[in-house]
Protein backbone atom coordinates (compact mmCIF):
# COMPACT_ATOMS: atom_id res chain seq x y z
CA MET A 1 23.62 43.83 137.74
CA MET A 2 25.62 47.02 138.83
CA ASN A 3 25.76 50.24 136.60
CA GLU A 4 28.71 51.90 135.98
CA ASN A 5 28.30 54.50 138.97
CA SER A 6 27.76 51.87 141.28
CA PRO A 7 29.96 52.41 144.29
CA THR A 8 31.23 48.73 143.83
CA SER A 9 31.42 49.52 140.28
CA ALA A 10 35.28 49.90 138.92
CA ALA A 11 34.07 53.60 137.80
CA GLY A 12 32.56 53.93 141.76
CA LEU A 13 35.54 52.89 143.12
CA VAL A 14 37.52 56.05 141.80
CA ARG A 15 37.21 59.55 142.25
CA PRO A 16 35.29 61.24 139.72
CA ASN A 17 37.82 62.52 138.23
CA ILE A 18 39.55 59.75 137.66
CA ALA A 19 36.45 58.19 136.21
CA ALA A 20 35.57 60.41 133.63
CA LEU A 21 39.37 61.22 132.48
CA ALA A 22 40.02 59.66 128.90
CA GLY A 23 43.75 58.78 129.84
CA TYR A 24 46.56 59.52 127.71
CA VAL A 25 46.67 57.87 124.13
CA PRO A 26 50.52 56.93 123.27
CA GLY A 27 51.60 56.75 119.55
CA GLU A 28 51.28 53.32 117.67
CA GLN A 29 53.90 50.99 119.16
CA PRO A 30 54.47 48.26 116.54
CA SER A 31 55.67 44.92 117.53
CA ASP A 32 57.11 44.40 113.92
CA THR A 33 61.09 45.80 113.36
CA ARG A 34 59.84 46.16 109.91
CA VAL A 35 57.37 48.96 110.10
CA ILE A 36 59.80 52.56 109.79
CA LYS A 37 58.48 54.48 113.08
CA LEU A 38 58.11 58.04 112.36
CA ASN A 39 55.49 58.72 114.93
CA THR A 40 56.76 59.21 118.19
CA ASN A 41 59.91 61.19 118.04
CA GLU A 42 62.58 59.36 118.55
CA ASN A 43 65.94 59.30 118.00
CA PRO A 44 66.68 57.33 114.49
CA TYR A 45 70.21 56.65 116.09
CA PRO A 46 71.02 54.26 118.93
CA PRO A 47 72.94 55.83 122.26
CA SER A 48 76.16 56.18 122.73
CA PRO A 49 78.11 52.59 122.79
CA ARG A 50 79.47 53.72 125.97
CA VAL A 51 75.65 53.10 127.34
CA LEU A 52 75.75 49.24 126.40
CA GLU A 53 78.96 49.10 128.15
CA ALA A 54 78.00 51.00 131.31
CA ILE A 55 75.21 48.62 131.28
CA ARG A 56 77.13 45.49 131.25
CA HIS A 57 79.20 46.85 134.45
CA VAL A 58 76.10 46.63 136.38
CA SER A 59 77.18 44.65 139.26
CA ALA A 60 74.75 41.77 140.69
CA GLU A 61 75.59 43.59 143.69
CA GLN A 62 74.04 46.85 142.60
CA LEU A 63 71.22 45.26 141.75
CA ARG A 64 70.54 43.74 145.12
CA ARG A 65 70.69 46.60 146.95
CA TYR A 66 68.18 49.97 146.36
CA PRO A 67 69.81 52.39 144.18
CA SER A 68 70.81 56.27 144.82
CA PRO A 69 67.75 57.74 146.41
CA ASN A 70 68.86 61.07 144.14
CA ALA A 71 71.24 59.23 141.28
CA LYS A 72 74.20 61.42 142.31
CA THR A 73 76.09 60.37 139.95
CA PHE A 74 74.17 61.34 137.28
CA ARG A 75 73.61 64.70 138.39
CA GLU A 76 77.18 65.46 138.93
CA ALA A 77 77.44 64.42 135.22
CA ALA A 78 74.81 67.01 134.21
CA ALA A 79 75.88 69.99 136.23
CA GLN A 80 79.50 69.17 134.54
CA VAL A 81 78.03 69.05 131.02
CA HIS A 82 75.47 72.36 131.92
CA GLY A 83 78.30 74.16 134.30
CA LEU A 84 75.92 73.91 137.27
CA THR A 85 76.14 72.01 140.50
CA PRO A 86 75.15 69.31 141.40
CA ASP A 87 72.11 70.55 143.90
CA MET A 88 70.34 72.37 140.69
CA ILE A 89 69.74 68.78 139.25
CA LEU A 90 66.73 66.68 139.84
CA ALA A 91 67.33 63.33 138.48
CA THR A 92 63.84 61.83 137.08
CA ASN A 93 61.55 58.40 135.85
CA GLY A 94 61.41 60.17 132.38
CA GLY A 95 60.35 63.58 131.82
CA ASP A 96 56.82 62.71 132.38
CA GLU A 97 57.87 62.40 136.29
CA LEU A 98 58.62 65.50 136.52
CA LEU A 99 55.66 66.68 135.34
CA SER A 100 53.97 65.09 137.29
CA ILE A 101 55.39 66.39 140.26
CA ALA A 102 55.33 69.74 139.59
CA ILE A 103 51.55 69.41 139.01
CA ARG A 104 51.50 67.22 142.26
CA ALA A 105 53.50 69.89 144.62
CA CYS A 106 52.21 73.45 142.77
CA ALA A 107 48.40 72.64 141.89
CA GLY A 108 45.73 71.59 144.14
CA GLU A 109 41.80 71.16 143.17
CA THR A 110 41.00 74.81 143.88
CA ASN A 111 44.18 76.14 141.28
CA ALA A 112 44.30 76.33 137.72
CA VAL A 113 47.35 74.35 135.46
CA ALA A 114 47.70 76.65 132.02
CA PHE A 115 48.93 75.32 128.53
CA LEU A 116 49.23 76.19 125.42
CA ASP A 117 47.23 74.31 122.29
CA PRO A 118 48.31 72.51 120.36
CA SER A 119 50.83 71.50 122.61
CA TYR A 120 51.71 67.45 124.53
CA SER A 121 48.47 66.30 125.10
CA LEU A 122 49.77 64.72 128.82
CA TYR A 123 49.24 68.02 130.36
CA PRO A 124 45.51 67.90 130.71
CA VAL A 125 45.70 64.75 131.66
CA LEU A 126 47.78 64.93 134.89
CA THR A 127 46.00 68.46 135.33
CA ALA A 128 42.56 66.52 135.23
CA LEU A 129 44.43 63.53 137.14
CA GLN A 130 45.64 66.21 140.03
CA GLY A 131 41.34 67.35 140.16
CA ALA A 132 43.25 70.98 138.69
CA LYS A 133 41.46 72.97 136.64
CA PRO A 134 42.66 73.25 133.21
CA LEU A 135 43.57 76.78 131.49
CA VAL A 136 44.09 76.33 127.88
CA LEU A 137 45.79 79.34 126.02
CA PRO A 138 45.35 78.49 121.96
CA TYR A 139 48.74 79.16 119.72
CA ARG A 140 48.14 82.30 117.45
CA ILE A 141 48.52 80.93 114.54
CA THR A 142 48.94 82.43 111.09
CA GLY A 143 49.31 79.87 108.39
CA ASN A 144 52.06 77.82 109.17
CA THR A 145 53.23 80.36 112.11
CA TRP A 146 52.64 79.79 115.50
CA THR A 147 53.25 82.37 118.41
CA LEU A 148 52.60 82.37 121.93
CA PRO A 149 49.61 84.63 123.13
CA ALA A 150 50.36 88.28 123.64
CA THR A 151 48.99 88.28 127.10
CA ILE A 152 50.53 84.70 128.13
CA ALA A 153 52.26 86.37 131.69
CA GLN A 154 48.87 87.58 132.91
CA THR A 155 47.50 84.26 132.88
CA LYS A 156 46.08 83.10 136.36
CA ALA A 157 47.29 79.59 136.90
CA ALA A 158 50.02 78.57 139.33
CA ILE A 159 52.07 76.87 136.97
CA LEU A 160 52.39 77.41 133.24
CA LEU A 161 53.50 74.55 130.85
CA ILE A 162 55.70 76.15 127.96
CA VAL A 163 57.05 73.27 125.15
CA ASN A 164 60.10 74.59 123.65
CA PRO A 165 60.26 73.70 121.18
CA ASN A 166 56.86 73.41 120.67
CA ALA A 167 55.59 69.81 119.93
CA PRO A 168 53.46 69.16 117.41
CA SER A 169 54.55 72.41 115.45
CA GLY A 170 58.11 72.57 116.17
CA THR A 171 58.08 76.45 116.59
CA LEU A 172 60.87 77.96 118.99
CA ALA A 173 60.37 80.12 121.38
CA ASP A 174 62.56 83.24 122.20
CA VAL A 175 64.86 83.55 125.31
CA ALA A 176 64.01 86.73 126.24
CA GLN A 177 60.23 86.43 125.44
CA LEU A 178 60.67 83.56 127.90
CA GLY A 179 62.28 85.13 130.19
CA GLN A 180 59.78 87.90 130.37
CA ILE A 181 57.67 85.95 130.98
CA ALA A 182 59.09 84.63 133.71
CA ARG A 183 59.51 87.88 135.45
CA ASP A 184 55.85 88.40 134.69
CA PHE A 185 53.88 85.38 135.55
CA PRO A 186 54.03 84.79 139.51
CA GLY A 187 53.55 80.83 139.26
CA LEU A 188 55.76 78.39 138.44
CA LEU A 189 57.14 78.40 134.60
CA LEU A 190 57.75 75.28 133.70
CA ILE A 191 59.78 75.22 130.35
CA ASP A 192 59.54 71.63 128.58
CA GLU A 193 62.59 71.29 126.12
CA ALA A 194 62.12 67.67 125.42
CA TYR A 195 63.30 68.58 121.67
CA VAL A 196 65.91 71.17 122.83
CA ASP A 197 68.84 69.22 121.34
CA PHE A 198 67.65 69.59 118.11
CA ALA A 199 67.17 73.26 118.57
CA PRO A 200 69.41 76.64 118.46
CA THR A 201 68.53 77.95 121.42
CA SER A 202 68.07 77.28 125.20
CA ALA A 203 66.46 78.87 128.34
CA LEU A 204 68.71 77.27 130.91
CA SER A 205 70.05 80.62 131.42
CA LEU A 206 67.31 81.78 133.22
CA VAL A 207 67.35 79.29 135.75
CA GLN A 208 70.23 81.41 137.32
CA SER A 209 67.90 84.47 137.72
CA CYS A 210 64.36 83.08 137.56
CA PRO A 211 63.54 81.32 140.42
CA ASN A 212 60.40 80.37 139.28
CA VAL A 213 61.97 78.52 136.70
CA LEU A 214 61.88 74.55 136.13
CA ILE A 215 63.54 73.33 132.78
CA LEU A 216 62.79 70.13 131.84
CA ARG A 217 64.96 67.75 129.90
CA SER A 218 65.26 64.59 128.47
CA LEU A 219 66.94 61.81 127.22
CA SER A 220 64.25 59.98 124.80
CA LYS A 221 65.09 62.07 122.55
CA GLY A 222 68.23 63.36 121.79
CA TYR A 223 70.42 60.79 123.65
CA GLY A 224 68.59 57.78 121.96
CA LEU A 225 66.98 56.51 125.27
CA ALA A 226 63.28 56.55 124.68
CA GLY A 227 63.22 53.07 125.99
CA LEU A 228 65.01 53.66 129.07
CA ARG A 229 62.53 56.37 130.64
CA PHE A 230 65.15 59.07 132.06
CA GLY A 231 64.62 62.70 132.35
CA TYR A 232 65.70 65.57 134.54
CA GLY A 233 64.76 68.99 135.70
CA ILE A 234 67.41 72.16 136.25
CA ALA A 235 65.95 74.73 138.60
CA GLN A 236 67.51 76.61 141.42
CA PRO A 237 68.19 73.97 144.51
CA ALA A 238 65.29 76.38 146.99
CA LEU A 239 62.05 74.91 144.35
CA LEU A 240 64.08 71.33 143.93
CA SER A 241 64.03 70.60 147.73
CA GLN A 242 60.10 71.01 147.37
CA LEU A 243 59.96 69.22 144.61
CA GLU A 244 61.60 66.08 146.07
CA LYS A 245 58.86 66.09 149.21
CA VAL A 246 56.33 64.36 146.18
CA ARG A 247 58.29 62.21 144.53
CA ASP A 248 58.84 58.29 145.13
CA SER A 249 61.47 57.38 147.29
CA TYR A 250 63.69 55.68 144.56
CA PRO A 251 62.22 57.07 141.16
CA VAL A 252 65.79 56.06 138.61
CA ASP A 253 66.91 52.49 139.00
CA VAL A 254 70.64 51.46 139.00
CA VAL A 255 70.57 50.33 135.47
CA ALA A 256 68.87 53.62 133.96
CA THR A 257 71.35 55.91 136.00
CA ALA A 258 74.36 54.28 135.04
CA ALA A 259 73.26 54.38 131.09
CA ALA A 260 72.06 58.04 131.53
CA THR A 261 75.16 59.18 132.94
CA ALA A 262 76.94 57.77 130.12
CA ALA A 263 74.94 58.51 127.35
CA ILE A 264 74.90 62.52 128.99
CA LEU A 265 78.82 62.60 129.27
CA ASP A 266 79.54 61.07 125.72
CA GLN A 267 78.39 64.66 124.22
CA ASP A 268 80.78 64.13 121.49
CA TYR A 269 78.57 61.22 119.78
CA ALA A 270 75.12 62.92 121.04
CA ARG A 271 76.17 66.25 119.09
CA ASP A 272 77.11 64.03 115.95
CA THR A 273 73.75 62.55 115.76
CA TRP A 274 72.03 66.05 116.72
CA GLN A 275 73.06 67.49 113.75
CA ARG A 276 72.49 64.28 111.12
CA VAL A 277 69.17 64.82 112.08
CA ILE A 278 69.02 68.58 111.98
CA ALA A 279 70.90 68.03 108.24
CA GLU A 280 67.83 65.36 107.49
CA ARG A 281 65.11 67.83 108.98
CA GLU A 282 66.64 70.41 106.37
CA ARG A 283 66.32 67.98 103.18
CA LEU A 284 63.29 66.19 104.29
CA GLY A 285 61.60 69.91 104.51
CA THR A 286 62.63 70.88 101.34
CA GLU A 287 61.35 67.92 99.35
CA LEU A 288 57.91 68.11 101.38
CA ARG A 289 58.05 71.83 100.52
CA GLU A 290 58.47 70.61 96.74
CA MET A 291 55.78 68.30 96.75
CA GLY A 292 53.08 71.14 98.56
CA PHE A 293 53.08 70.90 101.54
CA GLY A 294 53.15 73.54 103.97
CA LEU A 295 55.51 73.49 107.24
CA THR A 296 56.43 75.37 110.44
CA SER A 297 59.56 76.39 110.76
CA SER A 298 60.65 73.29 113.16
CA SER A 299 63.89 73.70 115.52
CA SER A 300 62.79 69.64 116.77
CA ASN A 301 63.27 66.66 114.97
CA PHE A 302 60.15 66.11 113.81
CA LEU A 303 58.06 68.66 111.02
CA LEU A 304 54.53 69.21 110.75
CA ALA A 305 53.12 69.02 107.30
CA GLN A 306 50.31 70.79 106.14
CA VAL A 307 48.35 69.44 103.53
CA SER A 308 47.57 72.11 100.64
CA PRO A 309 44.23 72.38 98.98
CA ARG A 310 45.86 72.00 95.79
CA MET A 311 47.56 68.89 96.65
CA ALA A 312 45.89 65.56 94.68
CA VAL A 313 45.10 62.84 96.76
CA PRO A 314 42.83 60.37 95.25
CA GLU A 315 39.33 59.62 96.54
CA THR A 316 39.92 62.73 99.28
CA ASP A 317 38.06 66.37 98.87
CA THR A 318 39.36 68.24 101.98
CA PRO A 319 43.02 68.91 103.52
CA ALA A 320 41.83 67.09 106.34
CA ALA A 321 40.32 63.84 104.73
CA ALA A 322 43.75 64.04 102.36
CA ALA A 323 45.85 64.13 105.29
CA LYS A 324 43.86 60.95 107.51
CA ALA A 325 44.07 59.44 103.95
CA ILE A 326 47.85 59.83 103.54
CA TYR A 327 48.34 58.59 107.23
CA GLU A 328 46.53 55.52 106.61
CA ARG A 329 48.36 54.47 103.20
CA LEU A 330 52.04 55.32 104.74
CA LYS A 331 50.77 52.46 107.44
CA ALA A 332 49.73 50.31 105.02
CA ALA A 333 52.94 50.81 103.39
CA ASP A 334 54.59 50.27 106.81
CA ILE A 335 55.35 53.61 107.47
CA LEU A 336 54.28 55.25 110.73
CA VAL A 337 53.59 58.55 110.84
CA ARG A 338 51.27 60.44 113.61
CA TYR A 339 47.82 61.90 112.62
CA PHE A 340 46.14 63.93 115.29
CA ASN A 341 42.29 64.37 115.02
CA LEU A 342 42.19 67.37 116.73
CA PRO A 343 41.41 71.19 116.54
CA ASN A 344 43.78 72.88 114.39
CA LEU A 345 45.85 69.54 113.13
CA THR A 346 43.28 67.84 111.15
CA ASP A 347 44.83 68.61 107.90
CA LYS A 348 48.63 67.82 108.93
CA LEU A 349 50.81 64.98 110.04
CA ARG A 350 53.78 65.25 112.22
CA ILE A 351 56.52 63.17 110.67
CA THR A 352 59.52 62.14 112.69
CA ILE A 353 63.07 62.95 110.94
CA GLY A 354 64.04 59.20 110.36
CA THR A 355 67.66 58.12 108.88
CA PRO A 356 68.51 58.99 105.04
CA GLU A 357 67.05 55.50 104.32
CA GLN A 358 64.25 55.55 106.15
CA ASN A 359 63.07 59.35 104.67
CA ASP A 360 64.21 58.25 101.17
CA ARG A 361 61.68 55.35 101.49
CA LEU A 362 58.63 57.91 102.76
CA LEU A 363 59.51 60.71 100.09
CA ALA A 364 59.14 57.73 97.52
CA GLU A 365 55.65 56.50 99.58
CA LEU A 366 54.39 59.79 99.12
CA ARG A 367 55.24 60.76 95.92
CA ASN A 368 53.14 57.61 94.97
CA ILE A 369 50.14 59.08 96.95
CA ILE A 370 50.25 62.07 95.80
CA ALA A 371 50.76 61.33 92.17
């Protein structure tokens, strides 16, 4: 019988860093459509009607041929929306592909990849896949206030990843602070703006003056296209031309490109959904505070709710136990929120903003649990 380290076992066939890797754990994806999903930060509203129209107009001849290798129509549309030139846009198969190619291009086995903690849990996985060294930078957390480390710009790493607004807290770093970090940090600064459509500010302006800044954008959250997998990077052309060397030959397909182009051009529709989410974020936050939850100041489409020691959750004796119990009881009622059994997060729940009806159902169940 072969042991797991045998050269002919599955683990023995891959690199040691892959064999030792736990892998990324996505949020639960139930097949039952009756379940209210408030756990993976999807937009509660469907994409623009123009998206479905664009998909219907994709022809059989277009499907027979390979797609545009650089998603030309989307790059032109995104450049128009952002007031840039198309050569400053790099279309990718979801924002995650941009993260992957940035780490692959900039960090070797002797380099460090720096990222904040708590933050996007895919970062350490991609770092391990590359065989690079993870450099974890803890957030400064005081109560429900999260701030970047004071010496973050002095980090010795090839690439620094900052989610802004952050996940899972929803906190927003100041653009001026990010600009100073970009000027002081010698490596690539990737600012992950997957949730920026729900925020009051963006770091987009830094791209023109900082050649080491790469902005990540996604159509999964703000444009209601999580099922499509389409993202893009924004940077100076010289940087993007280097990243293009390590990507797949045809990373975005013809259907996705047509849909993404239609979505980003319908800014009126998108902005209307963003404002609805923001309004519900404020309402839900007020209700949760009245129940006793502590909340970070969120600029995203979710809230990080901390269980207070004074909240009465039956059969629990600590905030961490209460948070897990609330998660489990909501799940039993067909409502999914995100519970992280991780340092600094065990007493918290991340709650995606849903429709008014979904949020009302959540609040009613929470009142039953906490009462």
